[in-house]
């Protein structure tokens, strides 16, 4: 049953992200473990737009690590770009 709940929450999070409901997407994604890289990017985006820069950085780091682990260099570059941009703007 816990697995079904997790899937439902992930689907709700993705739907909220697609309709640009950042607060709901952030709330749903925050509570989930083992997010895929695409979901880490969604979490980072929602967190950033809701003002939680630290959460955004952690999500981007997790997505970057997944891409490196999976040998997806281009995907890793995408995460590294957003991470560098946020950290540069932040100072």
Protein backbone atom coordinates (compact mmCIF):
# COMPACT_ATOMS: atom_id res chain seq x y z
CA UNK A 1 0.00 0.00 0.00
CA UNK A 2 2.88 2.40 0.74
CA UNK A 3 4.13 1.90 -2.82
CA UNK A 4 0.72 2.89 -4.22
CA UNK A 5 0.67 6.01 -2.03
CA UNK A 6 4.11 7.00 -3.27
CA UNK A 7 3.08 6.55 -6.90
CA UNK A 8 -0.08 8.60 -6.34
CA UNK A 9 1.92 11.40 -4.69
CA UNK A 10 4.46 11.38 -7.51
CA UNK A 11 1.70 11.58 -10.12
CA UNK A 12 0.05 14.43 -8.20
CA UNK A 13 3.39 16.22 -8.01
CA UNK A 14 3.98 15.87 -11.74
CA UNK A 15 0.47 17.08 -12.54
CA UNK A 16 0.93 20.09 -10.25
CA UNK A 17 4.27 20.86 -11.90
CA UNK A 18 2.73 20.63 -15.37
CA UNK A 19 0.03 23.15 -14.42
CA UNK A 20 2.68 25.35 -12.77
CA UNK A 21 1.26 24.95 -9.28
CA UNK A 22 4.69 25.31 -7.72
CA UNK A 23 3.55 25.13 -4.09
CA UNK A 24 1.73 21.80 -4.53
CA UNK A 25 4.51 20.35 -6.68
CA UNK A 26 7.08 21.32 -4.08
CA UNK A 27 5.02 19.92 -1.22
CA UNK A 28 4.47 16.58 -2.96
CA UNK A 29 8.01 16.15 -4.28
CA UNK A 30 9.64 17.07 -0.97
CA UNK A 31 8.23 14.05 0.78
CA UNK A 32 9.35 11.49 -1.77
CA UNK A 33 12.53 9.43 -1.75
CA UNK A 34 14.49 8.18 -4.73
CA UNK A 35 13.31 10.73 -7.29
CA UNK A 36 14.28 10.27 -10.92
CA UNK A 37 16.47 12.97 -12.41
CA UNK A 38 13.52 14.61 -14.18
CA UNK A 39 11.69 14.79 -10.86
CA UNK A 40 14.78 16.26 -9.20
CA UNK A 41 14.73 19.02 -11.82
CA UNK A 42 11.04 19.61 -11.17
CA UNK A 43 11.72 19.76 -7.43
CA UNK A 44 14.58 22.19 -7.98
CA UNK A 45 12.44 24.42 -10.19
CA UNK A 46 9.49 24.45 -7.80
CA UNK A 47 11.74 25.04 -4.79
CA UNK A 48 13.56 27.89 -6.51
CA UNK A 49 10.35 29.56 -7.58
CA UNK A 50 8.95 29.21 -4.07
CA UNK A 51 12.07 30.80 -2.61
CA UNK A 52 13.73 27.72 -1.11
CA UNK A 53 17.13 28.04 -2.74
CA UNK A 54 18.80 25.47 -0.47
CA UNK A 55 16.22 22.84 -1.47
CA UNK A 56 16.73 23.73 -5.13
CA UNK A 57 20.49 23.28 -4.80
CA UNK A 58 20.09 19.92 -3.05
CA UNK A 59 17.70 18.71 -5.77
CA UNK A 60 20.06 19.80 -8.54
CA UNK A 61 22.97 18.07 -6.81
CA UNK A 62 20.93 14.85 -6.56
CA UNK A 63 19.96 15.03 -10.23
CA UNK A 64 23.55 15.73 -11.25
CA UNK A 65 24.76 12.74 -9.25
CA UNK A 66 22.17 10.49 -10.88
CA UNK A 67 23.24 11.61 -14.34
CA UNK A 68 26.92 10.98 -13.54
CA UNK A 69 26.10 7.56 -12.08
CA UNK A 70 24.10 6.66 -15.19
CA UNK A 71 26.83 7.89 -17.55
CA UNK A 72 24.62 10.62 -18.98
CA UNK A 73 27.19 13.37 -19.51
CA UNK A 74 24.85 15.73 -21.35
CA UNK A 75 22.24 15.41 -18.62
CA UNK A 76 24.91 16.06 -16.00
CA UNK A 77 25.95 19.21 -17.83
CA UNK A 78 22.36 20.45 -17.78
CA UNK A 79 22.16 19.99 -14.00
CA UNK A 80 25.62 21.52 -13.51
CA UNK A 81 24.61 24.56 -15.57
CA UNK A 82 21.53 25.27 -13.43
CA UNK A 83 23.46 24.59 -10.25
CA UNK A 84 26.25 26.97 -11.29
CA UNK A 85 23.76 29.64 -12.32
CA UNK A 86 21.92 29.53 -8.99
CA UNK A 87 25.12 29.52 -6.97
CA UNK A 88 26.59 32.35 -9.04
CA UNK A 89 23.48 34.51 -8.66
CA UNK A 90 23.34 33.69 -4.98
CA UNK A 91 26.92 34.75 -4.49
